[in-house]
Amino acid sequence: MKKSEKNEILQWAATKSDAQLEKEYYDGVYDSLGTLVDGMIELGYDLVDIKERKEYEKFLREKSDLIGWICEQRGIELWKDRE
């Protein structure tokens, strides 16, 4: 993740309520589960497309990690009611 992307997410998060931020975190975690890359390789997708997908999936994981960190800083207890 680029520093500018990280700063953009931090600024975006500053405008969100705790409930909105928590929802975004869970959505991000669920979106980043699994990968489409293996299927793309098996189906013979172009290597450029596969590389772009890998980078996008990495970005999604890093974004959800960053939002999780922001939640911790705010004292939002994640996964408390989801166990």
PDB file of N, CA and C in Angstrom:
ATOM      1  N   MET A   1       0.846  -1.174   0.000  1.00  0.00           N
ATOM      2  CA  MET A   1       0.000   0.000   0.000  1.00  0.00           C
ATOM      3  C   MET A   1       0.891   1.238   0.000  1.00  0.00           C
ATOM      4  N   LYS A   2       0.550   2.154  -0.866  1.00  0.00           N
ATOM      5  CA  LYS A   2       1.306   3.394  -0.946  1.00  0.00           C
ATOM      6  C   LYS A   2       0.970   4.281   0.256  1.00  0.00           C
ATOM      7  N   LYS A   3       1.916   5.132   0.583  1.00  0.00           N
ATOM      8  CA  LYS A   3       1.715   6.044   1.713  1.00  0.00           C
ATOM      9  C   LYS A   3       0.502   6.945   1.472  1.00  0.00           C
ATOM     10  N   SER A   4       0.313   7.383   0.234  1.00  0.00           N
ATOM     11  CA  SER A   4      -0.833   8.245  -0.075  1.00  0.00           C
ATOM     12  C   SER A   4      -2.153   7.495   0.116  1.00  0.00           C
ATOM     13  N   GLU A   5      -2.179   6.207  -0.231  1.00  0.00           N
ATOM     14  CA  GLU A   5      -3.387   5.402  -0.026  1.00  0.00           C
ATOM     15  C   GLU A   5      -3.668   5.234   1.467  1.00  0.00           C
ATOM     16  N   LYS A   6      -2.603   5.006   2.225  1.00  0.00           N
ATOM     17  CA  LYS A   6      -2.749   4.860   3.677  1.00  0.00           C
ATOM     18  C   LYS A   6      -3.293   6.154   4.284  1.00  0.00           C
ATOM     19  N   ASN A   7      -2.732   7.288   3.881  1.00  0.00           N
ATOM     20  CA  ASN A   7      -3.194   8.578   4.399  1.00  0.00           C
ATOM     21  C   ASN A   7      -4.650   8.841   4.021  1.00  0.00           C
ATOM     22  N   GLU A   8      -5.021   8.450   2.809  1.00  0.00           N
ATOM     23  CA  GLU A   8      -6.398   8.627   2.357  1.00  0.00           C
ATOM     24  C   GLU A   8      -7.362   7.801   3.218  1.00  0.00           C
ATOM     25  N   ILE A   9      -6.977   6.579   3.541  1.00  0.00           N
ATOM     26  CA  ILE A   9      -7.813   5.723   4.388  1.00  0.00           C
ATOM     27  C   ILE A   9      -7.907   6.301   5.796  1.00  0.00           C
ATOM     28  N   LEU A  10      -6.787   6.800   6.320  1.00  0.00           N
ATOM     29  CA  LEU A  10      -6.800   7.405   7.657  1.00  0.00           C
ATOM     30  C   LEU A  10      -7.722   8.622   7.698  1.00  0.00           C
ATOM     31  N   GLN A  11      -7.665   9.452   6.674  1.00  0.00           N
ATOM     32  CA  GLN A  11      -8.538  10.630   6.612  1.00  0.00           C
ATOM     33  C   GLN A  11      -9.997  10.213   6.476  1.00  0.00           C
ATOM     34  N   TRP A  12     -10.253   9.210   5.639  1.00  0.00           N
ATOM     35  CA  TRP A  12     -11.603   8.702   5.453  1.00  0.00           C
ATOM     36  C   TRP A  12     -12.149   8.164   6.780  1.00  0.00           C
ATOM     37  N   ALA A  13     -11.325   7.401   7.502  1.00  0.00           N
ATOM     38  CA  ALA A  13     -11.749   6.784   8.762  1.00  0.00           C
ATOM     39  C   ALA A  13     -12.069   7.838   9.818  1.00  0.00           C
ATOM     40  N   ALA A  14     -11.384   8.962   9.766  1.00  0.00           N
ATOM     41  CA  ALA A  14     -11.620  10.027  10.749  1.00  0.00           C
ATOM     42  C   ALA A  14     -13.030  10.599  10.633  1.00  0.00           C
ATOM     43  N   THR A  15     -13.666  10.424   9.483  1.00  0.00           N
ATOM     44  CA  THR A  15     -15.015  10.955   9.273  1.00  0.00           C
ATOM     45  C   THR A  15     -16.103   9.942   9.611  1.00  0.00           C
ATOM     46  N   LYS A  16     -15.722   8.732   9.994  1.00  0.00           N
ATOM     47  CA  LYS A  16     -16.690   7.657  10.234  1.00  0.00           C
ATOM     48  C   LYS A  16     -16.964   7.475  11.722  1.00  0.00           C
ATOM     49  N   SER A  17     -18.175   7.061  12.022  1.00  0.00           N
ATOM     50  CA  SER A  17     -18.521   6.720  13.408  1.00  0.00           C
ATOM     51  C   SER A  17     -17.908   5.360  13.731  1.00  0.00           C
ATOM     52  N   ASP A  18     -17.904   5.014  15.013  1.00  0.00           N
ATOM     53  CA  ASP A  18     -17.372   3.712  15.415  1.00  0.00           C
ATOM     54  C   ASP A  18     -18.135   2.574  14.744  1.00  0.00           C
ATOM     55  N   ALA A  19     -19.457   2.688  14.684  1.00  0.00           N
ATOM     56  CA  ALA A  19     -20.277   1.633  14.077  1.00  0.00           C
ATOM     57  C   ALA A  19     -19.973   1.492  12.585  1.00  0.00           C
ATOM     58  N   GLN A  20     -19.821   2.622  11.896  1.00  0.00           N
ATOM     59  CA  GLN A  20     -19.503   2.575  10.467  1.00  0.00           C
ATOM     60  C   GLN A  20     -18.129   1.961  10.236  1.00  0.00           C
ATOM     61  N   LEU A  21     -17.188   2.335  11.073  1.00  0.00           N
ATOM     62  CA  LEU A  21     -15.827   1.823  10.933  1.00  0.00           C
ATOM     63  C   LEU A  21     -15.781   0.320  11.201  1.00  0.00           C
ATOM     64  N   GLU A  22     -16.509  -0.117  12.213  1.00  0.00           N
ATOM     65  CA  GLU A  22     -16.559  -1.542  12.526  1.00  0.00           C
ATOM     66  C   GLU A  22     -17.166  -2.322  11.355  1.00  0.00           C
ATOM     67  N   LYS A  23     -18.237  -1.796  10.765  1.00  0.00           N
ATOM     68  CA  LYS A  23     -18.861  -2.450   9.609  1.00  0.00           C
ATOM     69  C   LYS A  23     -17.885  -2.523   8.439  1.00  0.00           C
ATOM     70  N   GLU A  24     -17.178  -1.441   8.181  1.00  0.00           N
ATOM     71  CA  GLU A  24     -16.200  -1.418   7.092  1.00  0.00           C
ATOM     72  C   GLU A  24     -15.095  -2.441   7.329  1.00  0.00           C
ATOM     73  N   TYR A  25     -14.697  -2.596   8.586  1.00  0.00           N
ATOM     74  CA  TYR A  25     -13.668  -3.582   8.914  1.00  0.00           C
ATOM     75  C   TYR A  25     -14.150  -4.988   8.570  1.00  0.00           C
ATOM     76  N   TYR A  26     -15.340  -5.348   9.050  1.00  0.00           N
ATOM     77  CA  TYR A  26     -15.857  -6.693   8.780  1.00  0.00           C
ATOM     78  C   TYR A  26     -16.061  -6.916   7.284  1.00  0.00           C
ATOM     79  N   ASP A  27     -16.589  -5.910   6.589  1.00  0.00           N
ATOM     80  CA  ASP A  27     -16.758  -6.035   5.138  1.00  0.00           C
ATOM     81  C   ASP A  27     -15.411  -6.265   4.461  1.00  0.00           C
ATOM     82  N   GLY A  28     -14.403  -5.524   4.893  1.00  0.00           N
ATOM     83  CA  GLY A  28     -13.070  -5.668   4.315  1.00  0.00           C
ATOM     84  C   GLY A  28     -12.453  -7.023   4.580  1.00  0.00           C
ATOM     85  N   VAL A  29     -12.638  -7.527   5.780  1.00  0.00           N
ATOM     86  CA  VAL A  29     -12.099  -8.850   6.116  1.00  0.00           C
ATOM     87  C   VAL A  29     -12.754  -9.911   5.250  1.00  0.00           C
ATOM     88  N   TYR A  30     -14.077  -9.858   5.149  1.00  0.00           N
ATOM     89  CA  TYR A  30     -14.776 -10.859   4.350  1.00  0.00           C
ATOM     90  C   TYR A  30     -14.416 -10.739   2.871  1.00  0.00           C
ATOM     91  N   ASP A  31     -14.234  -9.510   2.379  1.00  0.00           N
ATOM     92  CA  ASP A  31     -13.850  -9.316   0.977  1.00  0.00           C
ATOM     93  C   ASP A  31     -12.452  -9.840   0.684  1.00  0.00           C
ATOM     94  N   SER A  32     -11.585  -9.828   1.695  1.00  0.00           N
ATOM     95  CA  SER A  32     -10.202 -10.239   1.456  1.00  0.00           C
ATOM     96  C   SER A  32      -9.973 -11.728   1.713  1.00  0.00           C
ATOM     97  N   LEU A  33     -11.007 -12.437   2.149  1.00  0.00           N
ATOM     98  CA  LEU A  33     -10.862 -13.880   2.348  1.00  0.00           C
ATOM     99  C   LEU A  33     -10.800 -14.587   0.999  1.00  0.00           C
ATOM    100  N   GLY A  34      -9.941 -15.576   0.917  1.00  0.00           N
ATOM    101  CA  GLY A  34      -9.838 -16.333  -0.321  1.00  0.00           C
ATOM    102  C   GLY A  34      -9.131 -15.557  -1.408  1.00  0.00           C
ATOM    103  N   THR A  35      -8.986 -16.195  -2.539  1.00  0.00           N
ATOM    104  CA  THR A  35      -8.310 -15.563  -3.659  1.00  0.00           C
ATOM    105  C   THR A  35      -8.894 -16.082  -4.964  1.00  0.00           C
ATOM    106  N   LEU A  36      -8.892 -15.237  -5.955  1.00  0.00           N
ATOM    107  CA  LEU A  36      -9.333 -15.641  -7.284  1.00  0.00           C
ATOM    108  C   LEU A  36      -8.154 -16.006  -8.173  1.00  0.00           C
ATOM    109  N   VAL A  37      -6.951 -15.781  -7.682  1.00  0.00           N
ATOM    110  CA  VAL A  37      -5.750 -15.951  -8.496  1.00  0.00           C
ATOM    111  C   VAL A  37      -5.590 -17.389  -8.980  1.00  0.00           C
ATOM    112  N   ASP A  38      -5.779 -18.362  -8.094  1.00  0.00           N
ATOM    113  CA  ASP A  38      -5.605 -19.759  -8.500  1.00  0.00           C
ATOM    114  C   ASP A  38      -6.529 -20.122  -9.654  1.00  0.00           C
ATOM    115  N   GLY A  39      -7.773 -19.695  -9.558  1.00  0.00           N
ATOM    116  CA  GLY A  39      -8.723 -19.953 -10.637  1.00  0.00           C
ATOM    117  C   GLY A  39      -8.331 -19.251 -11.920  1.00  0.00           C
ATOM    118  N   MET A  40      -7.801 -18.049 -11.795  1.00  0.00           N
ATOM    119  CA  MET A  40      -7.368 -17.311 -12.981  1.00  0.00           C
ATOM    120  C   MET A  40      -6.220 -18.030 -13.678  1.00  0.00           C
ATOM    121  N   ILE A  41      -5.303 -18.577 -12.883  1.00  0.00           N
ATOM    122  CA  ILE A  41      -4.170 -19.310 -13.456  1.00  0.00           C
ATOM    123  C   ILE A  41      -4.674 -20.545 -14.189  1.00  0.00           C
ATOM    124  N   GLU A  42      -5.558 -21.298 -13.537  1.00  0.00           N
ATOM    125  CA  GLU A  42      -6.100 -22.515 -14.148  1.00  0.00           C
ATOM    126  C   GLU A  42      -6.868 -22.217 -15.427  1.00  0.00           C
ATOM    127  N   LEU A  43      -7.548 -21.087 -15.474  1.00  0.00           N
ATOM    128  CA  LEU A  43      -8.331 -20.730 -16.657  1.00  0.00           C
ATOM    129  C   LEU A  43      -7.495 -20.057 -17.742  1.00  0.00           C
ATOM    130  N   GLY A  44      -6.215 -19.843 -17.468  1.00  0.00           N
ATOM    131  CA  GLY A  44      -5.314 -19.301 -18.480  1.00  0.00           C
ATOM    132  C   GLY A  44      -5.390 -17.800 -18.675  1.00  0.00           C
ATOM    133  N   TYR A  45      -5.733 -17.082 -17.633  1.00  0.00           N
ATOM    134  CA  TYR A  45      -5.754 -15.621 -17.732  1.00  0.00           C
ATOM    135  C   TYR A  45      -4.356 -15.092 -18.044  1.00  0.00           C
ATOM    136  N   ASP A  46      -4.317 -13.920 -18.620  1.00  0.00           N
ATOM    137  CA  ASP A  46      -3.059 -13.258 -18.929  1.00  0.00           C
ATOM    138  C   ASP A  46      -2.301 -12.970 -17.634  1.00  0.00           C
ATOM    139  N   LEU A  47      -0.976 -13.109 -17.676  1.00  0.00           N
ATOM    140  CA  LEU A  47      -0.152 -12.906 -16.479  1.00  0.00           C
ATOM    141  C   LEU A  47      -0.273 -11.491 -15.915  1.00  0.00           C
ATOM    142  N   VAL A  48      -0.484 -10.523 -16.782  1.00  0.00           N
ATOM    143  CA  VAL A  48      -0.651  -9.137 -16.318  1.00  0.00           C
ATOM    144  C   VAL A  48      -1.918  -9.022 -15.466  1.00  0.00           C
ATOM    145  N   ASP A  49      -2.998  -9.665 -15.916  1.00  0.00           N
ATOM    146  CA  ASP A  49      -4.249  -9.641 -15.157  1.00  0.00           C
ATOM    147  C   ASP A  49      -4.092 -10.349 -13.815  1.00  0.00           C
ATOM    148  N   ILE A  50      -3.356 -11.451 -13.809  1.00  0.00           N
ATOM    149  CA  ILE A  50      -3.121 -12.196 -12.570  1.00  0.00           C
ATOM    150  C   ILE A  50      -2.323 -11.348 -11.589  1.00  0.00           C
ATOM    151  N   LYS A  51      -1.299 -10.664 -12.094  1.00  0.00           N
ATOM    152  CA  LYS A  51      -0.477  -9.809 -11.233  1.00  0.00           C
ATOM    153  C   LYS A  51      -1.315  -8.675 -10.642  1.00  0.00           C
ATOM    154  N   GLU A  52      -2.156  -8.063 -11.473  1.00  0.00           N
ATOM    155  CA  GLU A  52      -3.018  -6.983 -10.988  1.00  0.00           C
ATOM    156  C   GLU A  52      -3.966  -7.483  -9.906  1.00  0.00           C
ATOM    157  N   ARG A  53      -4.505  -8.689 -10.090  1.00  0.00           N
ATOM    158  CA  ARG A  53      -5.427  -9.259  -9.100  1.00  0.00           C
ATOM    159  C   ARG A  53      -4.706  -9.527  -7.784  1.00  0.00           C
ATOM    160  N   LYS A  54      -3.471 -10.056  -7.878  1.00  0.00           N
ATOM    161  CA  LYS A  54      -2.680 -10.309  -6.664  1.00  0.00           C
ATOM    162  C   LYS A  54      -2.457  -9.011  -5.896  1.00  0.00           C
ATOM    163  N   GLU A  55      -2.106  -7.956  -6.626  1.00  0.00           N
ATOM    164  CA  GLU A  55      -1.863  -6.663  -5.991  1.00  0.00           C
ATOM    165  C   GLU A  55      -3.141  -6.112  -5.351  1.00  0.00           C
ATOM    166  N   TYR A  56      -4.263  -6.280  -6.046  1.00  0.00           N
ATOM    167  CA  TYR A  56      -5.539  -5.793  -5.508  1.00  0.00           C
ATOM    168  C   TYR A  56      -5.919  -6.552  -4.241  1.00  0.00           C
ATOM    169  N   GLU A  57      -5.749  -7.876  -4.247  1.00  0.00           N
ATOM    170  CA  GLU A  57      -6.068  -8.674  -3.066  1.00  0.00           C
ATOM    171  C   GLU A  57      -5.147  -8.320  -1.900  1.00  0.00           C
ATOM    172  N   LYS A  58      -3.888  -8.020  -2.203  1.00  0.00           N
ATOM    173  CA  LYS A  58      -2.951  -7.590  -1.157  1.00  0.00           C
ATOM    174  C   LYS A  58      -3.407  -6.251  -0.578  1.00  0.00           C
ATOM    175  N   PHE A  59      -3.832  -5.340  -1.445  1.00  0.00           N
ATOM    176  CA  PHE A  59      -4.328  -4.040  -0.996  1.00  0.00           C
ATOM    177  C   PHE A  59      -5.537  -4.210  -0.076  1.00  0.00           C
ATOM    178  N   LEU A  60      -6.466  -5.102  -0.443  1.00  0.00           N
ATOM    179  CA  LEU A  60      -7.649  -5.334   0.392  1.00  0.00           C
ATOM    180  C   LEU A  60      -7.263  -5.835   1.779  1.00  0.00           C
ATOM    181  N   ARG A  61      -6.286  -6.756   1.835  1.00  0.00           N
ATOM    182  CA  ARG A  61      -5.834  -7.272   3.134  1.00  0.00           C
ATOM    183  C   ARG A  61      -5.203  -6.165   3.966  1.00  0.00           C
ATOM    184  N   GLU A  62      -4.345  -5.359   3.331  1.00  0.00           N
ATOM    185  CA  GLU A  62      -3.677  -4.275   4.047  1.00  0.00           C
ATOM    186  C   GLU A  62      -4.680  -3.222   4.520  1.00  0.00           C
ATOM    187  N   LYS A  63      -5.689  -2.950   3.700  1.00  0.00           N
ATOM    188  CA  LYS A  63      -6.714  -1.975   4.076  1.00  0.00           C
ATOM    189  C   LYS A  63      -7.493  -2.466   5.289  1.00  0.00           C
ATOM    190  N   SER A  64      -7.889  -3.736   5.279  1.00  0.00           N
ATOM    191  CA  SER A  64      -8.646  -4.252   6.430  1.00  0.00           C
ATOM    192  C   SER A  64      -7.770  -4.283   7.678  1.00  0.00           C
ATOM    193  N   ASP A  65      -6.478  -4.580   7.511  1.00  0.00           N
ATOM    194  CA  ASP A  65      -5.559  -4.538   8.657  1.00  0.00           C
ATOM    195  C   ASP A  65      -5.457  -3.121   9.223  1.00  0.00           C
ATOM    196  N   LEU A  66      -5.363  -2.136   8.344  1.00  0.00           N
ATOM    197  CA  LEU A  66      -5.264  -0.741   8.777  1.00  0.00           C
ATOM    198  C   LEU A  66      -6.544  -0.299   9.488  1.00  0.00           C
ATOM    199  N   ILE A  67      -7.684  -0.660   8.936  1.00  0.00           N
ATOM    200  CA  ILE A  67      -8.951  -0.308   9.581  1.00  0.00           C
ATOM    201  C   ILE A  67      -9.058  -1.009  10.933  1.00  0.00           C
ATOM    202  N   GLY A  68      -8.584  -2.246  11.016  1.00  0.00           N
ATOM    203  CA  GLY A  68      -8.563  -2.957  12.295  1.00  0.00           C
ATOM    204  C   GLY A  68      -7.705  -2.235  13.315  1.00  0.00           C
ATOM    205  N   TRP A  69      -6.562  -1.738  12.881  1.00  0.00           N
ATOM    206  CA  TRP A  69      -5.674  -0.983  13.775  1.00  0.00           C
ATOM    207  C   TRP A  69      -6.360   0.294  14.252  1.00  0.00           C
ATOM    208  N   ILE A  70      -7.039   0.975  13.336  1.00  0.00           N
ATOM    209  CA  ILE A  70      -7.758   2.199  13.709  1.00  0.00           C
ATOM    210  C   ILE A  70      -8.833   1.873  14.743  1.00  0.00           C
ATOM    211  N   CYS A  71      -9.527   0.769  14.538  1.00  0.00           N
ATOM    212  CA  CYS A  71     -10.550   0.346  15.506  1.00  0.00           C
ATOM    213  C   CYS A  71      -9.926   0.117  16.878  1.00  0.00           C
ATOM    214  N   GLU A  72      -8.787  -0.538  16.917  1.00  0.00           N
ATOM    215  CA  GLU A  72      -8.095  -0.764  18.190  1.00  0.00           C
ATOM    216  C   GLU A  72      -7.743   0.556  18.856  1.00  0.00           C
ATOM    217  N   GLN A  73      -7.257   1.514  18.069  1.00  0.00           N
ATOM    218  CA  GLN A  73      -6.886   2.814  18.614  1.00  0.00           C
ATOM    219  C   GLN A  73      -8.092   3.532  19.215  1.00  0.00           C
ATOM    220  N   ARG A  74      -9.258   3.312  18.630  1.00  0.00           N
ATOM    221  CA  ARG A  74     -10.488   3.938  19.132  1.00  0.00           C
ATOM    222  C   ARG A  74     -11.112   3.147  20.277  1.00  0.00           C
ATOM    223  N   GLY A  75     -10.576   1.987  20.565  1.00  0.00           N
ATOM    224  CA  GLY A  75     -11.131   1.159  21.633  1.00  0.00           C
ATOM    225  C   GLY A  75     -12.316   0.311  21.199  1.00  0.00           C
ATOM    226  N   ILE A  76     -12.467   0.115  19.901  1.00  0.00           N
ATOM    227  CA  ILE A  76     -13.553  -0.719  19.381  1.00  0.00           C
ATOM    228  C   ILE A  76     -13.123  -2.179  19.501  1.00  0.00           C
ATOM    229  N   GLU A  77     -13.916  -2.958  20.197  1.00  0.00           N
ATOM    230  CA  GLU A  77     -13.588  -4.369  20.390  1.00  0.00           C
ATOM    231  C   GLU A  77     -14.147  -5.181  19.227  1.00  0.00           C
ATOM    232  N   LEU A  78     -13.260  -5.613  18.346  1.00  0.00           N
ATOM    233  CA  LEU A  78     -13.667  -6.384  17.178  1.00  0.00           C
ATOM    234  C   LEU A  78     -13.851  -7.848  17.539  1.00  0.00           C
ATOM    235  N   TRP A  79     -14.751  -8.497  16.870  1.00  0.00           N
ATOM    236  CA  TRP A  79     -15.049  -9.928  17.014  1.00  0.00           C
ATOM    237  C   TRP A  79     -15.644 -10.280  18.370  1.00  0.00           C
ATOM    238  N   LYS A  80     -15.912  -9.303  19.205  1.00  0.00           N
ATOM    239  CA  LYS A  80     -16.455  -9.577  20.542  1.00  0.00           C
ATOM    240  C   LYS A  80     -17.811 -10.285  20.455  1.00  0.00           C
ATOM    241  N   ASP A  81     -18.704  -9.764  19.644  1.00  0.00           N
ATOM    242  CA  ASP A  81     -20.053 -10.324  19.536  1.00  0.00           C
ATOM    243  C   ASP A  81     -20.178 -11.339  18.406  1.00  0.00           C
ATOM    244  N   ARG A  82     -19.098 -11.646  17.742  1.00  0.00           N
ATOM    245  CA  ARG A  82     -19.166 -12.533  16.583  1.00  0.00           C
ATOM    246  C   ARG A  82     -18.599 -13.909  16.855  1.00  0.00           C
ATOM    247  N   GLU A  83     -18.205 -14.176  18.066  1.00  0.00           N
ATOM    248  CA  GLU A  83     -17.621 -15.479  18.394  1.00  0.00           C
ATOM    249  C   GLU A  83     -18.685 -16.518  18.621  1.00  0.00           C
TER     250      GLU A  83
END
